[in-house]
Amino acid sequence: MENSTMFYFNLTMFVPLGSYGYAAFVLCFLLFAFIISANLVIIVVISRERTLHQPMYIFIAFLSFNSLFGSTGFFPRFLMDLLSETHLISRPACFTQIYVIYSYASNEMTILSVMAYDRYVAVCDPLHYHNRMTAETVRRLAAYALICPAFFVATCLYLSIRLPLCGNNLLKVYCANWNIVKLSCVSTFVNNIIGLSLTTVITFLPLIYVLYTYFQIVLVCRKSSSEFKSKVFQTCLPHIISFVSYFIAIFCDIVLSRVKLNRFLAVVLSLEFVMIPPLFNPLVYGLHLPDIRRHIFRMLHFAKPFS
């Protein structure tokens, strides 16, 4: 029966945890608290230290801000569901969560591609780096990384909101656009075409560009000294780790939305997408890059109470 006025969605992928529900809640709450704290530390350190007001570190701060954005759009509702016997979410809350999580996902990819461009210029054209990576260029790249995904996600969401639905069960632990589209009572041809096009623009084009930049970086390093290679490796490794881990998470989410998997495996893969990148990013950049690590330790040292 067609029902275009469905007020609630039911998140059906939650596994009954019984007495382990409180333990899962505490574990996920501590993970959420660590993600918030670690990313805030990165943002504060980069904001306060003038020596870190450089394009590479500014983009790292954007990455941490995006992790905060995505985590606050997922964890509060997820923590509440862990302690709840029912998992109903209203239409407005569900579509709001979709917008936040999908914007976070798209922002992550575009920010990582912008960071790849920054590393490409720094390694392949170092003499003109400061002429090319001006404050105006950084502002334009940041605008591209944040505004374009917001527009693309809003377009997909608008098309989904207009669909009449014939059900309300979502095979997810959080709201996802494709799962709602599959509930449509009418043809979703337009949604599929536009969704595929925007996925290509947001996901695969940045992937191709990042691979191209690192191919050029490898070519330059082959002709350079060992000291130069070591320095490039030190600055590029965190970005490579972030990009690979995030792309694996994206790939798992795409597979999960198209293929039927074991229930437990499906839950794990869906959580990887929203948990692992926000957790990895501050650890990778905060611990590996010496400039950030030094200032973090200095800030923590001054934060200790006087004995």
C-alpha atoms as a PDB file:
ATOM      1  CA  MET A   1       0.000   0.000   0.000  1.00  0.00           C
ATOM      2  CA  GLU A   2       1.395   3.374  -0.982  1.00  0.00           C
ATOM      3  CA  ASN A   3       2.129   5.693   1.897  1.00  0.00           C
ATOM      4  CA  SER A   4       3.734   8.982   1.019  1.00  0.00           C
ATOM      5  CA  THR A   5       3.139  10.422   4.507  1.00  0.00           C
ATOM      6  CA  MET A   6       5.324   7.954   6.431  1.00  0.00           C
ATOM      7  CA  PHE A   7       6.352   9.791   9.598  1.00  0.00           C
ATOM      8  CA  TYR A   8       8.886   7.327  10.996  1.00  0.00           C
ATOM      9  CA  PHE A   9      11.585   4.999   9.732  1.00  0.00           C
ATOM     10  CA  ASN A  10      12.600   1.808  11.507  1.00  0.00           C
ATOM     11  CA  LEU A  11      16.347   1.059  11.692  1.00  0.00           C
ATOM     12  CA  THR A  12      16.299  -2.736  11.460  1.00  0.00           C
ATOM     13  CA  MET A  13      20.018  -3.595  11.535  1.00  0.00           C
ATOM     14  CA  PHE A  14      20.443  -3.247  15.282  1.00  0.00           C
ATOM     15  CA  VAL A  15      21.385  -6.588  16.837  1.00  0.00           C
ATOM     16  CA  PRO A  16      19.792  -7.428  20.221  1.00  0.00           C
ATOM     17  CA  LEU A  17      22.586  -7.033  22.765  1.00  0.00           C
ATOM     18  CA  GLY A  18      20.741  -7.928  25.950  1.00  0.00           C
ATOM     19  CA  SER A  19      22.901  -7.342  29.024  1.00  0.00           C
ATOM     20  CA  TYR A  20      25.813  -6.266  26.789  1.00  0.00           C
ATOM     21  CA  GLY A  21      23.926  -3.159  25.679  1.00  0.00           C
ATOM     22  CA  TYR A  22      25.313  -0.990  28.503  1.00  0.00           C
ATOM     23  CA  ALA A  23      28.870  -2.179  27.849  1.00  0.00           C
ATOM     24  CA  ALA A  24      28.478  -1.337  24.150  1.00  0.00           C
ATOM     25  CA  PHE A  25      27.064   2.067  25.113  1.00  0.00           C
ATOM     26  CA  VAL A  26      30.015   2.856  27.411  1.00  0.00           C
ATOM     27  CA  LEU A  27      32.551   1.704  24.808  1.00  0.00           C
ATOM     28  CA  CYS A  28      30.961   3.766  22.017  1.00  0.00           C
ATOM     29  CA  PHE A  29      30.552   6.787  24.305  1.00  0.00           C
ATOM     30  CA  LEU A  30      34.264   6.669  25.209  1.00  0.00           C
ATOM     31  CA  LEU A  31      35.092   6.363  21.498  1.00  0.00           C
ATOM     32  CA  PHE A  32      32.894   9.386  20.741  1.00  0.00           C
ATOM     33  CA  ALA A  33      34.509  11.374  23.568  1.00  0.00           C
ATOM     34  CA  PHE A  34      37.998  10.498  22.317  1.00  0.00           C
ATOM     35  CA  ILE A  35      37.121  11.493  18.715  1.00  0.00           C
ATOM     36  CA  ILE A  36      35.745  14.846  19.883  1.00  0.00           C
ATOM     37  CA  SER A  37      38.688  15.529  22.206  1.00  0.00           C
ATOM     38  CA  ALA A  38      41.430  14.457  19.778  1.00  0.00           C
ATOM     39  CA  ASN A  39      40.058  16.454  16.855  1.00  0.00           C
ATOM     40  CA  LEU A  40      39.487  19.507  19.051  1.00  0.00           C
ATOM     41  CA  VAL A  41      43.119  19.326  20.177  1.00  0.00           C
ATOM     42  CA  ILE A  42      44.278  19.329  16.544  1.00  0.00           C
ATOM     43  CA  ILE A  43      42.068  22.318  15.725  1.00  0.00           C
ATOM     44  CA  VAL A  44      43.129  24.299  18.809  1.00  0.00           C
ATOM     45  CA  VAL A  45      46.836  23.628  18.282  1.00  0.00           C
ATOM     46  CA  ILE A  46      46.744  24.674  14.622  1.00  0.00           C
ATOM     47  CA  SER A  47      44.610  27.743  15.424  1.00  0.00           C
ATOM     48  CA  ARG A  48      46.863  28.954  18.248  1.00  0.00           C
ATOM     49  CA  GLU A  49      50.287  28.345  16.730  1.00  0.00           C
ATOM     50  CA  ARG A  50      51.168  30.920  14.061  1.00  0.00           C
ATOM     51  CA  THR A  51      53.941  28.672  12.728  1.00  0.00           C
ATOM     52  CA  LEU A  52      51.231  26.179  11.742  1.00  0.00           C
ATOM     53  CA  HIS A  53      49.244  28.727   9.732  1.00  0.00           C
ATOM     54  CA  GLN A  54      50.311  27.077   6.481  1.00  0.00           C
ATOM     55  CA  PRO A  55      48.124  25.439   3.804  1.00  0.00           C
ATOM     56  CA  MET A  56      48.946  21.847   4.804  1.00  0.00           C
ATOM     57  CA  TYR A  57      48.051  22.411   8.455  1.00  0.00           C
ATOM     58  CA  ILE A  58      44.991  24.502   7.640  1.00  0.00           C
ATOM     59  CA  PHE A  59      43.610  21.633   5.558  1.00  0.00           C
ATOM     60  CA  ILE A  60      44.367  19.227   8.421  1.00  0.00           C
ATOM     61  CA  ALA A  61      42.306  21.489  10.681  1.00  0.00           C
ATOM     62  CA  PHE A  62      39.458  21.347   8.120  1.00  0.00           C
ATOM     63  CA  LEU A  63      39.727  17.558   8.187  1.00  0.00           C
ATOM     64  CA  SER A  64      39.409  17.530  11.979  1.00  0.00           C
ATOM     65  CA  PHE A  65      36.477  19.948  11.859  1.00  0.00           C
ATOM     66  CA  ASN A  66      34.749  17.675   9.361  1.00  0.00           C
ATOM     67  CA  SER A  67      35.329  14.703  11.676  1.00  0.00           C
ATOM     68  CA  LEU A  68      33.573  16.627  14.458  1.00  0.00           C
ATOM     69  CA  PHE A  69      30.734  17.457  12.076  1.00  0.00           C
ATOM     70  CA  GLY A  70      30.206  13.852  10.985  1.00  0.00           C
ATOM     71  CA  SER A  71      30.589  12.364  14.469  1.00  0.00           C
ATOM     72  CA  THR A  72      28.039  14.693  16.052  1.00  0.00           C
ATOM     73  CA  GLY A  73      25.614  13.766  13.277  1.00  0.00           C
ATOM     74  CA  PHE A  74      25.959  10.042  14.014  1.00  0.00           C
ATOM     75  CA  PHE A  75      26.964   9.220  17.581  1.00  0.00           C
ATOM     76  CA  PRO A  76      24.239  10.902  19.714  1.00  0.00           C
ATOM     77  CA  ARG A  77      21.435   9.075  17.911  1.00  0.00           C
ATOM     78  CA  PHE A  78      23.432   5.820  17.749  1.00  0.00           C
ATOM     79  CA  LEU A  79      24.164   5.914  21.492  1.00  0.00           C
ATOM     80  CA  MET A  80      20.478   6.440  22.233  1.00  0.00           C
ATOM     81  CA  ASP A  81      19.530   3.484  20.009  1.00  0.00           C
ATOM     82  CA  LEU A  82      21.971   1.189  21.833  1.00  0.00           C
ATOM     83  CA  LEU A  83      19.898   1.565  25.006  1.00  0.00           C
ATOM     84  CA  SER A  84      16.503   1.542  23.290  1.00  0.00           C
ATOM     85  CA  GLU A  85      14.289  -1.441  22.539  1.00  0.00           C
ATOM     86  CA  THR A  86      12.795   0.298  19.501  1.00  0.00           C
ATOM     87  CA  HIS A  87      14.718   2.099  16.782  1.00  0.00           C
ATOM     88  CA  LEU A  88      12.222   4.473  15.200  1.00  0.00           C
ATOM     89  CA  ILE A  89      13.423   7.806  13.822  1.00  0.00           C
ATOM     90  CA  SER A  90      11.217  10.587  12.473  1.00  0.00           C
ATOM     91  CA  ARG A  91      11.379  11.643   8.825  1.00  0.00           C
ATOM     92  CA  PRO A  92      12.854  15.112   9.591  1.00  0.00           C
ATOM     93  CA  ALA A  93      15.467  13.626  11.939  1.00  0.00           C
ATOM     94  CA  CYS A  94      16.307  10.886   9.427  1.00  0.00           C
ATOM     95  CA  PHE A  95      16.781  13.246   6.487  1.00  0.00           C
ATOM     96  CA  THR A  96      18.780  15.617   8.687  1.00  0.00           C
ATOM     97  CA  GLN A  97      21.073  12.742   9.663  1.00  0.00           C
ATOM     98  CA  ILE A  98      21.443  11.779   5.999  1.00  0.00           C
ATOM     99  CA  TYR A  99      22.439  15.329   5.104  1.00  0.00           C
ATOM    100  CA  VAL A 100      25.029  15.539   7.890  1.00  0.00           C
ATOM    101  CA  ILE A 101      26.580  12.094   7.321  1.00  0.00           C
ATOM    102  CA  TYR A 102      26.639  12.376   3.516  1.00  0.00           C
ATOM    103  CA  SER A 103      28.040  15.925   3.700  1.00  0.00           C
ATOM    104  CA  TYR A 104      30.733  14.652   6.061  1.00  0.00           C
ATOM    105  CA  ALA A 105      31.558  11.810   3.662  1.00  0.00           C
ATOM    106  CA  SER A 106      31.710  14.101   0.618  1.00  0.00           C
ATOM    107  CA  ASN A 107      33.695  16.776   2.460  1.00  0.00           C
ATOM    108  CA  GLU A 108      36.229  14.175   3.544  1.00  0.00           C
ATOM    109  CA  MET A 109      36.925  13.150  -0.040  1.00  0.00           C
ATOM    110  CA  THR A 110      37.180  16.699  -1.395  1.00  0.00           C
ATOM    111  CA  ILE A 111      39.400  17.853   1.495  1.00  0.00           C
ATOM    112  CA  LEU A 112      41.723  14.889   0.930  1.00  0.00           C
ATOM    113  CA  SER A 113      41.912  15.729  -2.790  1.00  0.00           C
ATOM    114  CA  VAL A 114      42.741  19.366  -1.965  1.00  0.00           C
ATOM    115  CA  MET A 115      45.457  18.145   0.405  1.00  0.00           C
ATOM    116  CA  ALA A 116      46.838  15.983  -2.410  1.00  0.00           C
ATOM    117  CA  TYR A 117      47.073  19.088  -4.602  1.00  0.00           C
ATOM    118  CA  ASP A 118      48.946  20.907  -1.828  1.00  0.00           C
ATOM    119  CA  ARG A 119      51.465  18.046  -1.516  1.00  0.00           C
ATOM    120  CA  TYR A 120      51.771  17.867  -5.306  1.00  0.00           C
ATOM    121  CA  VAL A 121      52.718  21.554  -5.569  1.00  0.00           C
ATOM    122  CA  ALA A 122      55.070  21.329  -2.562  1.00  0.00           C
ATOM    123  CA  VAL A 123      56.986  18.369  -4.020  1.00  0.00           C
ATOM    124  CA  CYS A 124      56.782  18.909  -7.779  1.00  0.00           C
ATOM    125  CA  ASP A 125      57.028  22.716  -7.890  1.00  0.00           C
ATOM    126  CA  PRO A 126      58.651  23.789  -4.590  1.00  0.00           C
ATOM    127  CA  LEU A 127      60.193  27.013  -5.941  1.00  0.00           C
ATOM    128  CA  HIS A 128      56.732  28.394  -6.786  1.00  0.00           C
ATOM    129  CA  TYR A 129      54.860  26.870  -3.851  1.00  0.00           C
ATOM    130  CA  HIS A 130      54.259  30.130  -1.986  1.00  0.00           C
ATOM    131  CA  ASN A 131      53.230  31.894  -5.209  1.00  0.00           C
ATOM    132  CA  ARG A 132      50.703  29.190  -6.054  1.00  0.00           C
ATOM    133  CA  MET A 133      49.412  28.378  -2.557  1.00  0.00           C
ATOM    134  CA  THR A 134      48.475  31.917  -1.534  1.00  0.00           C
ATOM    135  CA  ALA A 135      45.874  32.772   1.093  1.00  0.00           C
ATOM    136  CA  GLU A 136      43.360  33.423  -1.695  1.00  0.00           C
ATOM    137  CA  THR A 137      44.072  30.017  -3.260  1.00  0.00           C
ATOM    138  CA  VAL A 138      43.608  28.316   0.109  1.00  0.00           C
ATOM    139  CA  ARG A 139      40.248  30.091   0.575  1.00  0.00           C
ATOM    140  CA  ARG A 140      39.081  28.998  -2.882  1.00  0.00           C
ATOM    141  CA  LEU A 141      40.155  25.410  -2.341  1.00  0.00           C
ATOM    142  CA  ALA A 142      38.427  25.354   1.053  1.00  0.00           C
ATOM    143  CA  ALA A 143      35.255  26.777  -0.517  1.00  0.00           C
ATOM    144  CA  TYR A 144      35.358  24.081  -3.199  1.00  0.00           C
ATOM    145  CA  ALA A 145      35.899  21.352  -0.609  1.00  0.00           C
ATOM    146  CA  LEU A 146      32.935  22.438   1.533  1.00  0.00           C
ATOM    147  CA  ILE A 147      30.381  24.121  -0.757  1.00  0.00           C
ATOM    148  CA  CYS A 148      30.293  21.700  -3.703  1.00  0.00           C
ATOM    149  CA  PRO A 149      29.527  18.636  -1.550  1.00  0.00           C
ATOM    150  CA  ALA A 150      26.816  20.555   0.326  1.00  0.00           C
ATOM    151  CA  PHE A 151      25.098  21.392  -2.985  1.00  0.00           C
ATOM    152  CA  PHE A 152      25.400  17.842  -4.357  1.00  0.00           C
ATOM    153  CA  VAL A 153      24.079  16.219  -1.164  1.00  0.00           C
ATOM    154  CA  ALA A 154      21.187  18.693  -0.985  1.00  0.00           C
ATOM    155  CA  THR A 155      20.240  17.831  -4.589  1.00  0.00           C
ATOM    156  CA  CYS A 156      20.141  14.075  -3.885  1.00  0.00           C
ATOM    157  CA  LEU A 157      18.240  14.624  -0.660  1.00  0.00           C
ATOM    158  CA  TYR A 158      15.630  16.826  -2.338  1.00  0.00           C
ATOM    159  CA  LEU A 159      14.911  14.100  -4.897  1.00  0.00           C
ATOM    160  CA  SER A 160      14.577  11.487  -2.148  1.00  0.00           C
ATOM    161  CA  ILE A 161      12.270  13.593   0.036  1.00  0.00           C
ATOM    162  CA  ARG A 162       9.820  13.918  -2.865  1.00  0.00           C
ATOM    163  CA  LEU A 163       9.467  10.133  -3.332  1.00  0.00           C
ATOM    164  CA  PRO A 164       6.260   8.406  -2.162  1.00  0.00           C
ATOM    165  CA  LEU A 165       7.266   5.433  -0.009  1.00  0.00           C
ATOM    166  CA  CYS A 166       5.735   1.980   0.419  1.00  0.00           C
ATOM    167  CA  GLY A 167       7.550   0.998   3.584  1.00  0.00           C
ATOM    168  CA  ASN A 168       9.591   2.314   6.472  1.00  0.00           C
ATOM    169  CA  ASN A 169      12.181  -0.389   7.286  1.00  0.00           C
ATOM    170  CA  LEU A 170      15.794   0.677   6.676  1.00  0.00           C
ATOM    171  CA  LEU A 171      18.477  -2.029   6.639  1.00  0.00           C
ATOM    172  CA  LYS A 172      20.953   0.218   8.455  1.00  0.00           C
ATOM    173  CA  VAL A 173      21.940   1.378  11.931  1.00  0.00           C
ATOM    174  CA  TYR A 174      21.667   4.964  10.692  1.00  0.00           C
ATOM    175  CA  CYS A 175      19.683   6.670   7.941  1.00  0.00           C
ATOM    176  CA  ALA A 176      21.030   6.233   4.418  1.00  0.00           C
ATOM    177  CA  ASN A 177      19.741   7.758   1.193  1.00  0.00           C
ATOM    178  CA  TRP A 178      19.894   4.644  -1.012  1.00  0.00           C
ATOM    179  CA  ASN A 179      17.944   2.583   1.535  1.00  0.00           C
ATOM    180  CA  ILE A 180      15.146   5.145   1.462  1.00  0.00           C
ATOM    181  CA  VAL A 181      15.145   5.307  -2.345  1.00  0.00           C
ATOM    182  CA  LYS A 182      14.642   1.524  -2.447  1.00  0.00           C
ATOM    183  CA  LEU A 183      11.365   1.997  -0.520  1.00  0.00           C
ATOM    184  CA  SER A 184       9.889   4.138  -3.294  1.00  0.00           C
ATOM    185  CA  CYS A 185       6.508   3.219  -4.788  1.00  0.00           C
ATOM    186  CA  VAL A 186       7.423   4.825  -8.126  1.00  0.00           C
ATOM    187  CA  SER A 187      10.314   4.679 -10.563  1.00  0.00           C
ATOM    188  CA  THR A 188      13.621   5.940  -9.158  1.00  0.00           C
ATOM    189  CA  PHE A 189      15.361   6.238 -12.517  1.00  0.00           C
ATOM    190  CA  VAL A 190      16.107   9.961 -12.080  1.00  0.00           C
ATOM    191  CA  ASN A 191      17.376   9.401  -8.526  1.00  0.00           C
ATOM    192  CA  ASN A 192      19.643   6.576  -9.710  1.00  0.00           C
ATOM    193  CA  ILE A 193      21.127   8.546 -12.590  1.00  0.00           C
ATOM    194  CA  ILE A 194      21.747  11.708 -10.571  1.00  0.00           C
ATOM    195  CA  GLY A 195      22.995   9.716  -7.571  1.00  0.00           C
ATOM    196  CA  LEU A 196      25.441   7.766  -9.745  1.00  0.00           C
ATOM    197  CA  SER A 197      26.647  10.964 -11.430  1.00  0.00           C
ATOM    198  CA  LEU A 198      27.211  12.776  -8.151  1.00  0.00           C
ATOM    199  CA  THR A 199      28.911   9.726  -6.621  1.00  0.00           C
ATOM    200  CA  THR A 200      31.298   9.714  -9.574  1.00  0.00           C
ATOM    201  CA  VAL A 201      32.038  13.429  -9.181  1.00  0.00           C
ATOM    202  CA  ILE A 202      32.481  13.310  -5.406  1.00  0.00           C
ATOM    203  CA  THR A 203      34.217   9.934  -5.045  1.00  0.00           C
ATOM    204  CA  PHE A 204      35.882   8.626  -8.168  1.00  0.00           C
ATOM    205  CA  LEU A 205      37.136  11.866  -9.734  1.00  0.00           C
ATOM    206  CA  PRO A 206      38.976  12.830  -6.515  1.00  0.00           C
ATOM    207  CA  LEU A 207      40.342   9.272  -6.367  1.00  0.00           C
ATOM    208  CA  ILE A 208      41.713   9.540  -9.898  1.00  0.00           C
ATOM    209  CA  TYR A 209      43.189  12.958  -9.146  1.00  0.00           C
ATOM    210  CA  VAL A 210      44.878  11.774  -5.926  1.00  0.00           C
ATOM    211  CA  LEU A 211      46.378   8.801  -7.750  1.00  0.00           C
ATOM    212  CA  TYR A 212      47.647  11.155 -10.478  1.00  0.00           C
ATOM    213  CA  THR A 213      49.282  13.534  -7.966  1.00  0.00           C
ATOM    214  CA  TYR A 214      51.071  10.706  -6.182  1.00  0.00           C
ATOM    215  CA  PHE A 215      52.203   9.237  -9.465  1.00  0.00           C
ATOM    216  CA  GLN A 216      53.833  12.598 -10.258  1.00  0.00           C
ATOM    217  CA  ILE A 217      55.324  12.765  -6.748  1.00  0.00           C
ATOM    218  CA  VAL A 218      56.848   9.291  -7.188  1.00  0.00           C
ATOM    219  CA  LEU A 219      58.385  10.345 -10.503  1.00  0.00           C
ATOM    220  CA  VAL A 220      59.997  13.369  -8.859  1.00  0.00           C
ATOM    221  CA  CYS A 221      61.270  11.325  -5.898  1.00  0.00           C
ATOM    222  CA  ARG A 222      62.923   8.784  -8.185  1.00  0.00           C
ATOM    223  CA  LYS A 223      65.323  11.481  -9.372  1.00  0.00           C
ATOM    224  CA  SER A 224      65.902  13.053  -5.961  1.00  0.00           C
ATOM    225  CA  SER A 225      68.244  12.505  -3.032  1.00  0.00           C
ATOM    226  CA  SER A 226      67.560  10.159  -0.125  1.00  0.00           C
ATOM    227  CA  GLU A 227      67.121  13.129   2.213  1.00  0.00           C
ATOM    228  CA  PHE A 228      64.487  14.647  -0.064  1.00  0.00           C
ATOM    229  CA  LYS A 229      62.668  11.292  -0.331  1.00  0.00           C
ATOM    230  CA  SER A 230      62.660  10.943   3.449  1.00  0.00           C
ATOM    231  CA  LYS A 231      61.151  14.399   3.910  1.00  0.00           C
ATOM    232  CA  VAL A 232      58.485  13.766   1.267  1.00  0.00           C
ATOM    233  CA  PHE A 233      57.640  10.415   2.858  1.00  0.00           C
ATOM    234  CA  GLN A 234      57.265  12.042   6.279  1.00  0.00           C
ATOM    235  CA  THR A 235      54.820  14.699   5.059  1.00  0.00           C
ATOM    236  CA  CYS A 236      52.870  12.505   2.613  1.00  0.00           C
ATOM    237  CA  LEU A 237      52.483   9.314   4.660  1.00  0.00           C
ATOM    238  CA  PRO A 238      49.706  10.657   6.956  1.00  0.00           C
ATOM    239  CA  HIS A 239      47.715  11.787   3.920  1.00  0.00           C
ATOM    240  CA  ILE A 240      48.173   8.403   2.222  1.00  0.00           C
ATOM    241  CA  ILE A 241      47.018   6.562   5.358  1.00  0.00           C
ATOM    242  CA  SER A 242      43.970   8.835   5.735  1.00  0.00           C
ATOM    243  CA  PHE A 243      43.034   8.527   2.085  1.00  0.00           C
ATOM    244  CA  VAL A 244      43.433   4.728   1.894  1.00  0.00           C
ATOM    245  CA  SER A 245      41.530   4.095   5.140  1.00  0.00           C
ATOM    246  CA  TYR A 246      38.738   6.423   4.082  1.00  0.00           C
ATOM    247  CA  PHE A 247      38.434   4.999   0.584  1.00  0.00           C
ATOM    248  CA  ILE A 248      38.225   1.470   2.024  1.00  0.00           C
ATOM    249  CA  ALA A 249      35.431   2.671   4.333  1.00  0.00           C
ATOM    250  CA  ILE A 250      33.620   4.283   1.384  1.00  0.00           C
ATOM    251  CA  PHE A 251      34.003   1.132  -0.704  1.00  0.00           C
ATOM    252  CA  CYS A 252      32.617  -1.024   2.128  1.00  0.00           C
ATOM    253  CA  ASP A 253      29.605   1.281   2.484  1.00  0.00           C
ATOM    254  CA  ILE A 254      28.900   1.138  -1.270  1.00  0.00           C
ATOM    255  CA  VAL A 255      29.152  -2.674  -1.229  1.00  0.00           C
ATOM    256  CA  LEU A 256      26.883  -2.828   1.823  1.00  0.00           C
ATOM    257  CA  SER A 257      24.189  -0.773   0.098  1.00  0.00           C
ATOM    258  CA  ARG A 258      24.172  -2.986  -3.008  1.00  0.00           C
ATOM    259  CA  VAL A 259      24.922  -6.511  -1.740  1.00  0.00           C
ATOM    260  CA  LYS A 260      23.247  -8.610   0.949  1.00  0.00           C
ATOM    261  CA  LEU A 261      25.779  -9.613   3.608  1.00  0.00           C
ATOM    262  CA  ASN A 262      25.813 -11.398   6.944  1.00  0.00           C
ATOM    263  CA  ARG A 263      23.964  -9.240   9.496  1.00  0.00           C
ATOM    264  CA  PHE A 264      26.919  -8.859  11.864  1.00  0.00           C
ATOM    265  CA  LEU A 265      29.345  -8.118   9.019  1.00  0.00           C
ATOM    266  CA  ALA A 266      26.931  -5.568   7.569  1.00  0.00           C
ATOM    267  CA  VAL A 267      26.744  -3.725  10.911  1.00  0.00           C
ATOM    268  CA  VAL A 268      30.549  -3.707  11.279  1.00  0.00           C
ATOM    269  CA  LEU A 269      31.074  -2.345   7.749  1.00  0.00           C
ATOM    270  CA  SER A 270      28.447   0.364   8.203  1.00  0.00           C
ATOM    271  CA  LEU A 271      30.067   1.489  11.465  1.00  0.00           C
ATOM    272  CA  GLU A 272      33.537   1.542   9.909  1.00  0.00           C
ATOM    273  CA  PHE A 273      32.397   4.270   7.529  1.00  0.00           C
ATOM    274  CA  VAL A 274      31.429   6.710  10.318  1.00  0.00           C
ATOM    275  CA  MET A 275      33.853   5.678  13.081  1.00  0.00           C
ATOM    276  CA  ILE A 276      37.270   4.835  11.652  1.00  0.00           C
ATOM    277  CA  PRO A 277      38.195   8.008   9.665  1.00  0.00           C
ATOM    278  CA  PRO A 278      37.345  10.442  12.521  1.00  0.00           C
ATOM    279  CA  LEU A 279      39.346   8.204  14.869  1.00  0.00           C
ATOM    280  CA  PHE A 280      42.353   7.712  12.593  1.00  0.00           C
ATOM    281  CA  ASN A 281      42.831  11.275  11.342  1.00  0.00           C
ATOM    282  CA  PRO A 282      43.886  12.975  14.608  1.00  0.00           C
ATOM    283  CA  LEU A 283      46.071  10.003  15.543  1.00  0.00           C
ATOM    284  CA  VAL A 284      47.812   9.908  12.162  1.00  0.00           C
ATOM    285  CA  TYR A 285      48.430  13.655  11.883  1.00  0.00           C
ATOM    286  CA  GLY A 286      48.886  14.374  15.590  1.00  0.00           C
ATOM    287  CA  LEU A 287      51.419  11.620  16.227  1.00  0.00           C
ATOM    288  CA  HIS A 288      53.265  11.435  12.909  1.00  0.00           C
ATOM    289  CA  LEU A 289      53.842  15.076  11.940  1.00  0.00           C
ATOM    290  CA  PRO A 290      56.580  16.406  14.257  1.00  0.00           C
ATOM    291  CA  ASP A 291      55.427  20.052  14.215  1.00  0.00           C
ATOM    292  CA  ILE A 292      51.912  19.187  15.388  1.00  0.00           C
ATOM    293  CA  ARG A 293      53.142  16.530  17.826  1.00  0.00           C
ATOM    294  CA  ARG A 294      55.591  18.950  19.447  1.00  0.00           C
ATOM    295  CA  HIS A 295      52.939  21.612  20.008  1.00  0.00           C
ATOM    296  CA  ILE A 296      50.430  19.061  21.336  1.00  0.00           C
ATOM    297  CA  PHE A 297      52.906  17.812  23.943  1.00  0.00           C
ATOM    298  CA  ARG A 298      53.788  21.392  24.855  1.00  0.00           C
ATOM    299  CA  MET A 299      50.104  22.275  25.298  1.00  0.00           C
ATOM    300  CA  LEU A 300      49.478  19.175  27.427  1.00  0.00           C
ATOM    301  CA  HIS A 301      52.520  19.987  29.529  1.00  0.00           C
ATOM    302  CA  PHE A 302      51.265  23.494  30.291  1.00  0.00           C
ATOM    303  CA  ALA A 303      47.784  22.111  30.973  1.00  0.00           C
ATOM    304  CA  LYS A 304      49.070  20.034  33.918  1.00  0.00           C
ATOM    305  CA  PRO A 305      48.144  21.483  37.309  1.00  0.00           C
ATOM    306  CA  PHE A 306      50.961  23.104  39.217  1.00  0.00           C
ATOM    307  CA  SER A 307      52.340  20.813  41.905  1.00  0.00           C
END
